[in-house]
Amino acid sequence: MLGDGNPDKFSFEVTANGFKFLQYQLNTPEIDIPVANYLPDNNNRIIIERNELNRLIASELENEVSVKNLSLNQIIISLDSVASRMIPVRANIEIRYKEGFRAVDSALLNPKAVKVSAPANELNKIDSIRTKEISLTNVDKNIDLDLQVELPAINSWKVEPATVKFSQDVKEFTQKKLNVPIEIVNLPPEIKVKIIPNSLNISFDVPMENFNNITATDFKVVCDYSKKDSADNFMVAEIIRQPEGILNIEVSEKKIDFLIFK
């Protein structure tokens, strides 16, 4: 692979008739150098000497045109070794949902990594590669998009595949409130305790389609007597079981007072 900083132009003089000379003045000739024909066996650069440059130039011009006074004695073309490895992809996407709608789970990228081929010294500097930036607004349905992987503006970089699929489930949510009884755990059998309050109001956001399917029995709230605060006579209520797919859970009270009866 061609390295950076290689010469991209040089000058020379030509001897030609007036018409040809005018033609070259109006349209600067381009000389194609078949670099692959000069690849070294075990070096990181190619050297093309003056005589060979003259031959290459002459082969690109008309027979009646002669070349002289080449500005370079030789052309040195540096080469970079090429490496390939799988690089994780990060989606560069901004999503704004319609009011009441939100993502159900984390977004999915397929594939999660792409094969990047680039100069080894450049490839070693990156640990991830982003997609081209995209913004979505007022989203109220599932997202399924092809995102293009963004590469540096260097022709020597290649990526396979060039696009990845982005998907995310989106649902409409609403708030629901339930009153759930509190259970005491790790209570010695010889002790009787009364807790105040003996139930909690739990509020949460739930997908509209599951609103009627979730009841208080889907939750379990406990106070662990072994973790009680004896000085201030309270325990902390914990939710140890809850249904899947709900968000933004809030409870009316976490500090539960208790009375011990002997």
C-alpha atoms as a PDB file:
ATOM      1  CA  MET A   1       0.000   0.000   0.000  1.00  0.00           C
ATOM      2  CA  LEU A   2       1.270   3.479  -0.869  1.00  0.00           C
ATOM      3  CA  GLY A   3       2.454   5.499   2.113  1.00  0.00           C
ATOM      4  CA  ASP A   4       1.852   9.165   2.845  1.00  0.00           C
ATOM      5  CA  GLY A   5       3.990  12.016   1.511  1.00  0.00           C
ATOM      6  CA  ASN A   6       4.881  10.484  -1.834  1.00  0.00           C
ATOM      7  CA  PRO A   7       5.577  12.915  -4.721  1.00  0.00           C
ATOM      8  CA  ASP A   8       2.524  13.592  -6.859  1.00  0.00           C
ATOM      9  CA  LYS A   9       4.072  15.766  -9.554  1.00  0.00           C
ATOM     10  CA  PHE A  10       7.338  16.579 -11.306  1.00  0.00           C
ATOM     11  CA  SER A  11       8.321  18.722 -14.287  1.00  0.00           C
ATOM     12  CA  PHE A  12      10.091  18.186 -17.572  1.00  0.00           C
ATOM     13  CA  GLU A  13      10.502  19.941 -20.888  1.00  0.00           C
ATOM     14  CA  VAL A  14       9.157  18.701 -24.187  1.00  0.00           C
ATOM     15  CA  THR A  15      10.077  19.478 -27.743  1.00  0.00           C
ATOM     16  CA  ALA A  16       7.081  19.342 -30.086  1.00  0.00           C
ATOM     17  CA  ASN A  17       5.440  21.169 -32.976  1.00  0.00           C
ATOM     18  CA  GLY A  18       3.302  24.221 -32.205  1.00  0.00           C
ATOM     19  CA  PHE A  19      -0.012  22.407 -32.164  1.00  0.00           C
ATOM     20  CA  LYS A  20       1.193  19.653 -29.826  1.00  0.00           C
ATOM     21  CA  PHE A  21       2.940  22.188 -27.596  1.00  0.00           C
ATOM     22  CA  LEU A  22      -0.293  24.203 -27.250  1.00  0.00           C
ATOM     23  CA  GLN A  23      -2.194  21.021 -26.512  1.00  0.00           C
ATOM     24  CA  TYR A  24       0.101  20.172 -23.588  1.00  0.00           C
ATOM     25  CA  GLN A  25      -0.069  23.729 -22.280  1.00  0.00           C
ATOM     26  CA  LEU A  26      -3.851  23.579 -22.159  1.00  0.00           C
ATOM     27  CA  ASN A  27      -4.004  20.054 -20.765  1.00  0.00           C
ATOM     28  CA  THR A  28      -1.229  19.062 -18.387  1.00  0.00           C
ATOM     29  CA  PRO A  29      -0.328  15.468 -19.193  1.00  0.00           C
ATOM     30  CA  GLU A  30      -0.678  12.773 -16.525  1.00  0.00           C
ATOM     31  CA  ILE A  31       1.908  10.020 -16.316  1.00  0.00           C
ATOM     32  CA  ASP A  32       0.709   6.703 -14.938  1.00  0.00           C
ATOM     33  CA  ILE A  33       3.399   4.810 -13.061  1.00  0.00           C
ATOM     34  CA  PRO A  34       2.582   1.094 -12.672  1.00  0.00           C
ATOM     35  CA  VAL A  35       3.947   0.817  -9.148  1.00  0.00           C
ATOM     36  CA  ALA A  36       3.154  -2.892  -8.944  1.00  0.00           C
ATOM     37  CA  ASN A  37       5.800  -3.537 -11.621  1.00  0.00           C
ATOM     38  CA  TYR A  38       8.526  -2.180  -9.336  1.00  0.00           C
ATOM     39  CA  LEU A  39       7.641  -3.790  -6.033  1.00  0.00           C
ATOM     40  CA  PRO A  40      10.762  -4.722  -4.045  1.00  0.00           C
ATOM     41  CA  ASP A  41      11.224  -8.136  -2.495  1.00  0.00           C
ATOM     42  CA  ASN A  42      11.908  -7.017   1.059  1.00  0.00           C
ATOM     43  CA  ASN A  43      11.910  -3.247   1.340  1.00  0.00           C
ATOM     44  CA  ASN A  44       9.396  -0.568   2.206  1.00  0.00           C
ATOM     45  CA  ARG A  45      10.101   1.732  -0.725  1.00  0.00           C
ATOM     46  CA  ILE A  46      10.373   1.786  -4.501  1.00  0.00           C
ATOM     47  CA  ILE A  47      13.067   3.702  -6.375  1.00  0.00           C
ATOM     48  CA  ILE A  48      12.549   4.568 -10.043  1.00  0.00           C
ATOM     49  CA  GLU A  49      15.687   5.994 -11.648  1.00  0.00           C
ATOM     50  CA  ARG A  50      15.862   8.874 -14.126  1.00  0.00           C
ATOM     51  CA  ASN A  51      16.313   6.720 -17.253  1.00  0.00           C
ATOM     52  CA  GLU A  52      13.270   4.635 -16.377  1.00  0.00           C
ATOM     53  CA  LEU A  53      11.246   7.796 -15.708  1.00  0.00           C
ATOM     54  CA  ASN A  54      12.211   9.132 -19.141  1.00  0.00           C
ATOM     55  CA  ARG A  55      11.038   5.882 -20.704  1.00  0.00           C
ATOM     56  CA  LEU A  56       7.716   5.968 -18.842  1.00  0.00           C
ATOM     57  CA  ILE A  57       7.093   9.576 -19.866  1.00  0.00           C
ATOM     58  CA  ALA A  58       7.966   8.939 -23.487  1.00  0.00           C
ATOM     59  CA  SER A  59       5.594   5.976 -23.597  1.00  0.00           C
ATOM     60  CA  GLU A  60       2.717   8.221 -22.559  1.00  0.00           C
ATOM     61  CA  LEU A  61       3.407  10.966 -25.136  1.00  0.00           C
ATOM     62  CA  GLU A  62       3.239  11.151 -28.906  1.00  0.00           C
ATOM     63  CA  ASN A  63       6.142   9.723 -30.920  1.00  0.00           C
ATOM     64  CA  GLU A  64       7.102  13.124 -32.294  1.00  0.00           C
ATOM     65  CA  VAL A  65       7.526  14.582 -28.808  1.00  0.00           C
ATOM     66  CA  SER A  66      10.914  14.423 -27.063  1.00  0.00           C
ATOM     67  CA  VAL A  67      11.510  14.761 -23.310  1.00  0.00           C
ATOM     68  CA  LYS A  68      14.403  16.523 -21.588  1.00  0.00           C
ATOM     69  CA  ASN A  69      15.437  18.283 -18.356  1.00  0.00           C
ATOM     70  CA  LEU A  70      13.497  16.023 -15.982  1.00  0.00           C
ATOM     71  CA  SER A  71      13.258  17.781 -12.588  1.00  0.00           C
ATOM     72  CA  LEU A  72      13.964  14.582 -10.637  1.00  0.00           C
ATOM     73  CA  ASN A  73      16.910  12.217 -10.759  1.00  0.00           C
ATOM     74  CA  GLN A  74      14.755   9.506  -9.250  1.00  0.00           C
ATOM     75  CA  ILE A  75      11.383   8.990  -7.641  1.00  0.00           C
ATOM     76  CA  ILE A  76      11.258   7.357  -4.240  1.00  0.00           C
ATOM     77  CA  ILE A  77       7.849   5.922  -3.333  1.00  0.00           C
ATOM     78  CA  SER A  78       7.335   4.819   0.266  1.00  0.00           C
ATOM     79  CA  LEU A  79       5.157   1.827   1.055  1.00  0.00           C
ATOM     80  CA  ASP A  80       3.161   0.944   4.137  1.00  0.00           C
ATOM     81  CA  SER A  81       2.510  -2.600   5.278  1.00  0.00           C
ATOM     82  CA  VAL A  82      -1.187  -3.453   5.260  1.00  0.00           C
ATOM     83  CA  ALA A  83      -2.935  -5.015   8.262  1.00  0.00           C
ATOM     84  CA  SER A  84      -6.485  -6.202   8.793  1.00  0.00           C
ATOM     85  CA  ARG A  85      -8.468  -6.825  11.956  1.00  0.00           C
ATOM     86  CA  MET A  86     -11.992  -6.763  13.297  1.00  0.00           C
ATOM     87  CA  ILE A  87     -12.906  -3.381  14.803  1.00  0.00           C
ATOM     88  CA  PRO A  88     -16.023  -2.806  16.978  1.00  0.00           C
ATOM     89  CA  VAL A  89     -18.607  -0.438  15.479  1.00  0.00           C
ATOM     90  CA  ARG A  90     -20.263   2.383  17.422  1.00  0.00           C
ATOM     91  CA  ALA A  91     -23.519   3.837  16.134  1.00  0.00           C
ATOM     92  CA  ASN A  92     -23.327   7.614  15.781  1.00  0.00           C
ATOM     93  CA  ILE A  93     -27.066   8.170  15.971  1.00  0.00           C
ATOM     94  CA  GLU A  94     -29.178  10.663  17.907  1.00  0.00           C
ATOM     95  CA  ILE A  95     -32.763   9.584  18.642  1.00  0.00           C
ATOM     96  CA  ARG A  96     -35.545  11.799  19.942  1.00  0.00           C
ATOM     97  CA  TYR A  97     -38.743   9.951  20.754  1.00  0.00           C
ATOM     98  CA  LYS A  98     -42.290  11.150  20.438  1.00  0.00           C
ATOM     99  CA  GLU A  99     -43.790  12.014  23.828  1.00  0.00           C
ATOM    100  CA  GLY A 100     -44.781   8.828  25.642  1.00  0.00           C
ATOM    101  CA  PHE A 101     -42.542   6.607  23.506  1.00  0.00           C
ATOM    102  CA  ARG A 102     -39.114   5.197  24.351  1.00  0.00           C
ATOM    103  CA  ALA A 103     -36.748   2.338  23.647  1.00  0.00           C
ATOM    104  CA  VAL A 104     -37.599  -0.982  25.267  1.00  0.00           C
ATOM    105  CA  ASP A 105     -34.090  -2.483  25.239  1.00  0.00           C
ATOM    106  CA  SER A 106     -30.611  -1.508  24.130  1.00  0.00           C
ATOM    107  CA  ALA A 107     -30.099  -0.978  20.419  1.00  0.00           C
ATOM    108  CA  LEU A 108     -28.605  -3.815  18.362  1.00  0.00           C
ATOM    109  CA  LEU A 109     -25.903  -3.553  15.703  1.00  0.00           C
ATOM    110  CA  ASN A 110     -25.386  -6.334  13.191  1.00  0.00           C
ATOM    111  CA  PRO A 111     -22.567  -7.019  12.737  1.00  0.00           C
ATOM    112  CA  LYS A 112     -21.025  -5.624  15.914  1.00  0.00           C
ATOM    113  CA  ALA A 113     -17.588  -5.426  14.306  1.00  0.00           C
ATOM    114  CA  VAL A 114     -16.278  -4.946  10.763  1.00  0.00           C
ATOM    115  CA  LYS A 115     -13.039  -5.958   9.079  1.00  0.00           C
ATOM    116  CA  VAL A 116     -10.840  -2.910   8.528  1.00  0.00           C
ATOM    117  CA  SER A 117      -7.778  -3.030   6.278  1.00  0.00           C
ATOM    118  CA  ALA A 118      -5.386  -0.095   6.570  1.00  0.00           C
ATOM    119  CA  PRO A 119      -1.725   0.795   7.044  1.00  0.00           C
ATOM    120  CA  ALA A 120      -0.567  -1.110  10.122  1.00  0.00           C
ATOM    121  CA  ASN A 121       0.680   1.983  11.941  1.00  0.00           C
ATOM    122  CA  GLU A 122      -2.735   3.675  11.533  1.00  0.00           C
ATOM    123  CA  LEU A 123      -4.788   0.595  12.353  1.00  0.00           C
ATOM    124  CA  ASN A 124      -2.999   0.176  15.678  1.00  0.00           C
ATOM    125  CA  LYS A 125      -4.237   3.611  16.801  1.00  0.00           C
ATOM    126  CA  ILE A 126      -7.960   2.823  16.742  1.00  0.00           C
ATOM    127  CA  ASP A 127     -10.076   0.640  19.026  1.00  0.00           C
ATOM    128  CA  SER A 128     -13.478   1.377  17.460  1.00  0.00           C
ATOM    129  CA  ILE A 129     -15.011   2.867  14.340  1.00  0.00           C
ATOM    130  CA  ARG A 130     -18.165   4.991  14.109  1.00  0.00           C
ATOM    131  CA  THR A 131     -20.992   5.137  11.638  1.00  0.00           C
ATOM    132  CA  LYS A 132     -21.837   8.324   9.774  1.00  0.00           C
ATOM    133  CA  GLU A 133     -23.887  10.703  11.915  1.00  0.00           C
ATOM    134  CA  ILE A 134     -27.660  10.503  11.652  1.00  0.00           C
ATOM    135  CA  SER A 135     -30.510  12.087  13.654  1.00  0.00           C
ATOM    136  CA  LEU A 136     -34.060  10.831  14.118  1.00  0.00           C
ATOM    137  CA  THR A 137     -36.889  12.860  15.626  1.00  0.00           C
ATOM    138  CA  ASN A 138     -40.445  12.192  16.778  1.00  0.00           C
ATOM    139  CA  VAL A 139     -39.825   8.428  16.753  1.00  0.00           C
ATOM    140  CA  ASP A 140     -42.923   6.347  17.579  1.00  0.00           C
ATOM    141  CA  LYS A 141     -42.158   2.941  16.044  1.00  0.00           C
ATOM    142  CA  ASN A 142     -39.416   0.334  15.877  1.00  0.00           C
ATOM    143  CA  ILE A 143     -36.181   1.479  14.242  1.00  0.00           C
ATOM    144  CA  ASP A 144     -34.549  -0.600  11.509  1.00  0.00           C
ATOM    145  CA  LEU A 145     -31.822   1.185   9.537  1.00  0.00           C
ATOM    146  CA  ASP A 146     -28.689   0.528   7.508  1.00  0.00           C
ATOM    147  CA  LEU A 147     -25.876   2.757   8.768  1.00  0.00           C
ATOM    148  CA  GLN A 148     -22.787   3.491   6.713  1.00  0.00           C
ATOM    149  CA  VAL A 149     -19.436   3.048   8.415  1.00  0.00           C
ATOM    150  CA  GLU A 150     -17.406   6.258   8.405  1.00  0.00           C
ATOM    151  CA  LEU A 151     -13.787   6.019   7.280  1.00  0.00           C
ATOM    152  CA  PRO A 152     -11.030   8.619   7.145  1.00  0.00           C
ATOM    153  CA  ALA A 153     -10.772  10.487   3.839  1.00  0.00           C
ATOM    154  CA  ILE A 154      -7.943   8.198   2.759  1.00  0.00           C
ATOM    155  CA  ASN A 155      -8.362   5.885  -0.200  1.00  0.00           C
ATOM    156  CA  SER A 156      -6.092   3.277   1.343  1.00  0.00           C
ATOM    157  CA  TRP A 157      -8.608   2.329   4.051  1.00  0.00           C
ATOM    158  CA  LYS A 158     -11.077  -0.469   3.298  1.00  0.00           C
ATOM    159  CA  VAL A 159     -13.914  -1.860   5.385  1.00  0.00           C
ATOM    160  CA  GLU A 160     -16.065  -4.980   5.030  1.00  0.00           C
ATOM    161  CA  PRO A 161     -19.010  -4.730   5.234  1.00  0.00           C
ATOM    162  CA  ALA A 162     -19.435  -1.021   4.509  1.00  0.00           C
ATOM    163  CA  THR A 163     -22.813  -0.848   6.280  1.00  0.00           C
ATOM    164  CA  VAL A 164     -24.244  -2.275   9.501  1.00  0.00           C
ATOM    165  CA  LYS A 165     -27.853  -2.806  10.492  1.00  0.00           C
ATOM    166  CA  PHE A 166     -29.164  -0.795  13.468  1.00  0.00           C
ATOM    167  CA  SER A 167     -32.353  -1.959  15.177  1.00  0.00           C
ATOM    168  CA  GLN A 168     -34.224  -0.928  18.298  1.00  0.00           C
ATOM    169  CA  ASP A 169     -37.644  -1.795  19.682  1.00  0.00           C
ATOM    170  CA  VAL A 170     -39.777   1.242  20.526  1.00  0.00           C
ATOM    171  CA  LYS A 171     -43.037   1.179  22.463  1.00  0.00           C
ATOM    172  CA  GLU A 172     -45.520   3.606  23.948  1.00  0.00           C
ATOM    173  CA  PHE A 173     -45.320   3.780  27.763  1.00  0.00           C
ATOM    174  CA  THR A 174     -47.701   4.970  30.433  1.00  0.00           C
ATOM    175  CA  GLN A 175     -47.481   5.198  34.228  1.00  0.00           C
ATOM    176  CA  LYS A 176     -49.087   2.672  36.550  1.00  0.00           C
ATOM    177  CA  LYS A 177     -49.335   2.584  40.372  1.00  0.00           C
ATOM    178  CA  LEU A 178     -49.796  -0.461  42.611  1.00  0.00           C
ATOM    179  CA  ASN A 179     -49.961  -1.052  46.351  1.00  0.00           C
ATOM    180  CA  VAL A 180     -47.677  -3.926  47.331  1.00  0.00           C
ATOM    181  CA  PRO A 181     -47.529  -5.572  50.801  1.00  0.00           C
ATOM    182  CA  ILE A 182     -44.181  -5.675  52.652  1.00  0.00           C
ATOM    183  CA  GLU A 183     -42.769  -8.954  53.973  1.00  0.00           C
ATOM    184  CA  ILE A 184     -40.273  -9.197  56.846  1.00  0.00           C
ATOM    185  CA  VAL A 185     -37.409 -11.660  56.391  1.00  0.00           C
ATOM    186  CA  ASN A 186     -34.829 -13.012  58.849  1.00  0.00           C
ATOM    187  CA  LEU A 187     -37.142 -12.351  61.791  1.00  0.00           C
ATOM    188  CA  PRO A 188     -36.358 -14.526  64.823  1.00  0.00           C
ATOM    189  CA  PRO A 189     -39.393 -16.696  65.747  1.00  0.00           C
ATOM    190  CA  GLU A 190     -39.540 -15.381  69.322  1.00  0.00           C
ATOM    191  CA  ILE A 191     -39.954 -11.761  68.168  1.00  0.00           C
ATOM    192  CA  LYS A 192     -43.127 -10.123  66.940  1.00  0.00           C
ATOM    193  CA  VAL A 193     -42.845  -6.955  64.917  1.00  0.00           C
ATOM    194  CA  LYS A 194     -45.302  -4.460  63.524  1.00  0.00           C
ATOM    195  CA  ILE A 195     -44.171  -2.317  60.615  1.00  0.00           C
ATOM    196  CA  ILE A 196     -45.546   1.088  59.663  1.00  0.00           C
ATOM    197  CA  PRO A 197     -46.583   1.233  56.894  1.00  0.00           C
ATOM    198  CA  ASN A 198     -47.134  -2.447  56.023  1.00  0.00           C
ATOM    199  CA  SER A 199     -47.354  -1.801  52.272  1.00  0.00           C
ATOM    200  CA  LEU A 200     -45.751   0.418  49.641  1.00  0.00           C
ATOM    201  CA  ASN A 201     -47.127   2.376  46.736  1.00  0.00           C
ATOM    202  CA  ILE A 202     -44.999   1.588  43.693  1.00  0.00           C
ATOM    203  CA  SER A 203     -45.199   3.640  40.510  1.00  0.00           C
ATOM    204  CA  PHE A 204     -43.524   2.694  37.238  1.00  0.00           C
ATOM    205  CA  ASP A 205     -43.690   3.146  33.488  1.00  0.00           C
ATOM    206  CA  VAL A 206     -45.048   0.191  31.536  1.00  0.00           C
ATOM    207  CA  PRO A 207     -45.680  -0.439  27.822  1.00  0.00           C
ATOM    208  CA  MET A 208     -49.306   0.245  26.997  1.00  0.00           C
ATOM    209  CA  GLU A 209     -49.744  -3.291  25.680  1.00  0.00           C
ATOM    210  CA  ASN A 210     -48.780  -4.754  29.080  1.00  0.00           C
ATOM    211  CA  PHE A 211     -50.692  -2.313  31.292  1.00  0.00           C
ATOM    212  CA  ASN A 212     -53.417  -4.773  32.349  1.00  0.00           C
ATOM    213  CA  ASN A 213     -51.056  -7.737  32.674  1.00  0.00           C
ATOM    214  CA  ILE A 214     -49.027  -6.425  35.606  1.00  0.00           C
ATOM    215  CA  THR A 215     -50.422  -6.800  39.148  1.00  0.00           C
ATOM    216  CA  ALA A 216     -49.129  -6.417  42.713  1.00  0.00           C
ATOM    217  CA  THR A 217     -48.290 -10.138  42.842  1.00  0.00           C
ATOM    218  CA  ASP A 218     -45.557  -9.552  40.217  1.00  0.00           C
ATOM    219  CA  PHE A 219     -43.615  -7.622  42.873  1.00  0.00           C
ATOM    220  CA  LYS A 220     -42.011  -8.726  46.111  1.00  0.00           C
ATOM    221  CA  VAL A 221     -40.994  -6.125  48.695  1.00  0.00           C
ATOM    222  CA  VAL A 222     -39.109  -7.125  51.839  1.00  0.00           C
ATOM    223  CA  CYS A 223     -37.581  -5.618  54.957  1.00  0.00           C
ATOM    224  CA  ASP A 224     -34.574  -7.547  56.278  1.00  0.00           C
ATOM    225  CA  TYR A 225     -34.762  -7.620  60.070  1.00  0.00           C
ATOM    226  CA  SER A 226     -31.069  -8.562  60.307  1.00  0.00           C
ATOM    227  CA  LYS A 227     -30.211  -5.196  58.734  1.00  0.00           C
ATOM    228  CA  LYS A 228     -32.459  -3.095  60.979  1.00  0.00           C
ATOM    229  CA  ASP A 229     -31.381   0.223  62.446  1.00  0.00           C
ATOM    230  CA  SER A 230     -31.955  -0.418  66.155  1.00  0.00           C
ATOM    231  CA  ALA A 231     -31.090   3.122  67.207  1.00  0.00           C
ATOM    232  CA  ASP A 232     -33.837   4.740  65.150  1.00  0.00           C
ATOM    233  CA  ASN A 233     -36.130   1.708  64.877  1.00  0.00           C
ATOM    234  CA  PHE A 234     -36.453   1.458  61.126  1.00  0.00           C
ATOM    235  CA  MET A 235     -35.746  -0.976  58.308  1.00  0.00           C
ATOM    236  CA  VAL A 236     -35.186  -0.320  54.613  1.00  0.00           C
ATOM    237  CA  ALA A 237     -37.696  -1.707  52.135  1.00  0.00           C
ATOM    238  CA  GLU A 238     -36.216  -3.419  49.077  1.00  0.00           C
ATOM    239  CA  ILE A 239     -37.862  -4.612  45.871  1.00  0.00           C
ATOM    240  CA  ILE A 240     -36.401  -8.076  45.262  1.00  0.00           C
ATOM    241  CA  ARG A 241     -38.754  -9.140  42.461  1.00  0.00           C
ATOM    242  CA  GLN A 242     -40.310  -7.120  39.680  1.00  0.00           C
ATOM    243  CA  PRO A 243     -41.706  -7.793  36.204  1.00  0.00           C
ATOM    244  CA  GLU A 244     -39.539  -7.352  33.135  1.00  0.00           C
ATOM    245  CA  GLY A 245     -39.972  -4.450  30.751  1.00  0.00           C
ATOM    246  CA  ILE A 246     -40.927  -1.725  33.251  1.00  0.00           C
ATOM    247  CA  LEU A 247     -38.972   1.502  33.768  1.00  0.00           C
ATOM    248  CA  ASN A 248     -38.562   4.386  36.238  1.00  0.00           C
ATOM    249  CA  ILE A 249     -39.627   2.510  39.357  1.00  0.00           C
ATOM    250  CA  GLU A 250     -40.387   4.727  42.362  1.00  0.00           C
ATOM    251  CA  VAL A 251     -41.607   3.835  45.844  1.00  0.00           C
ATOM    252  CA  SER A 252     -43.580   5.961  48.271  1.00  0.00           C
ATOM    253  CA  GLU A 253     -41.365   5.142  51.253  1.00  0.00           C
ATOM    254  CA  LYS A 254     -38.109   3.287  51.852  1.00  0.00           C
ATOM    255  CA  LYS A 255     -37.613   3.781  55.589  1.00  0.00           C
ATOM    256  CA  ILE A 256     -40.122   1.541  57.390  1.00  0.00           C
ATOM    257  CA  ASP A 257     -40.643   2.097  61.105  1.00  0.00           C
ATOM    258  CA  PHE A 258     -41.164  -0.945  63.310  1.00  0.00           C
ATOM    259  CA  LEU A 259     -42.408  -1.764  66.783  1.00  0.00           C
ATOM    260  CA  ILE A 260     -41.291  -4.834  68.716  1.00  0.00           C
ATOM    261  CA  PHE A 261     -43.839  -6.712  70.871  1.00  0.00           C
ATOM    262  CA  LYS A 262     -42.516  -8.900  73.660  1.00  0.00           C
END
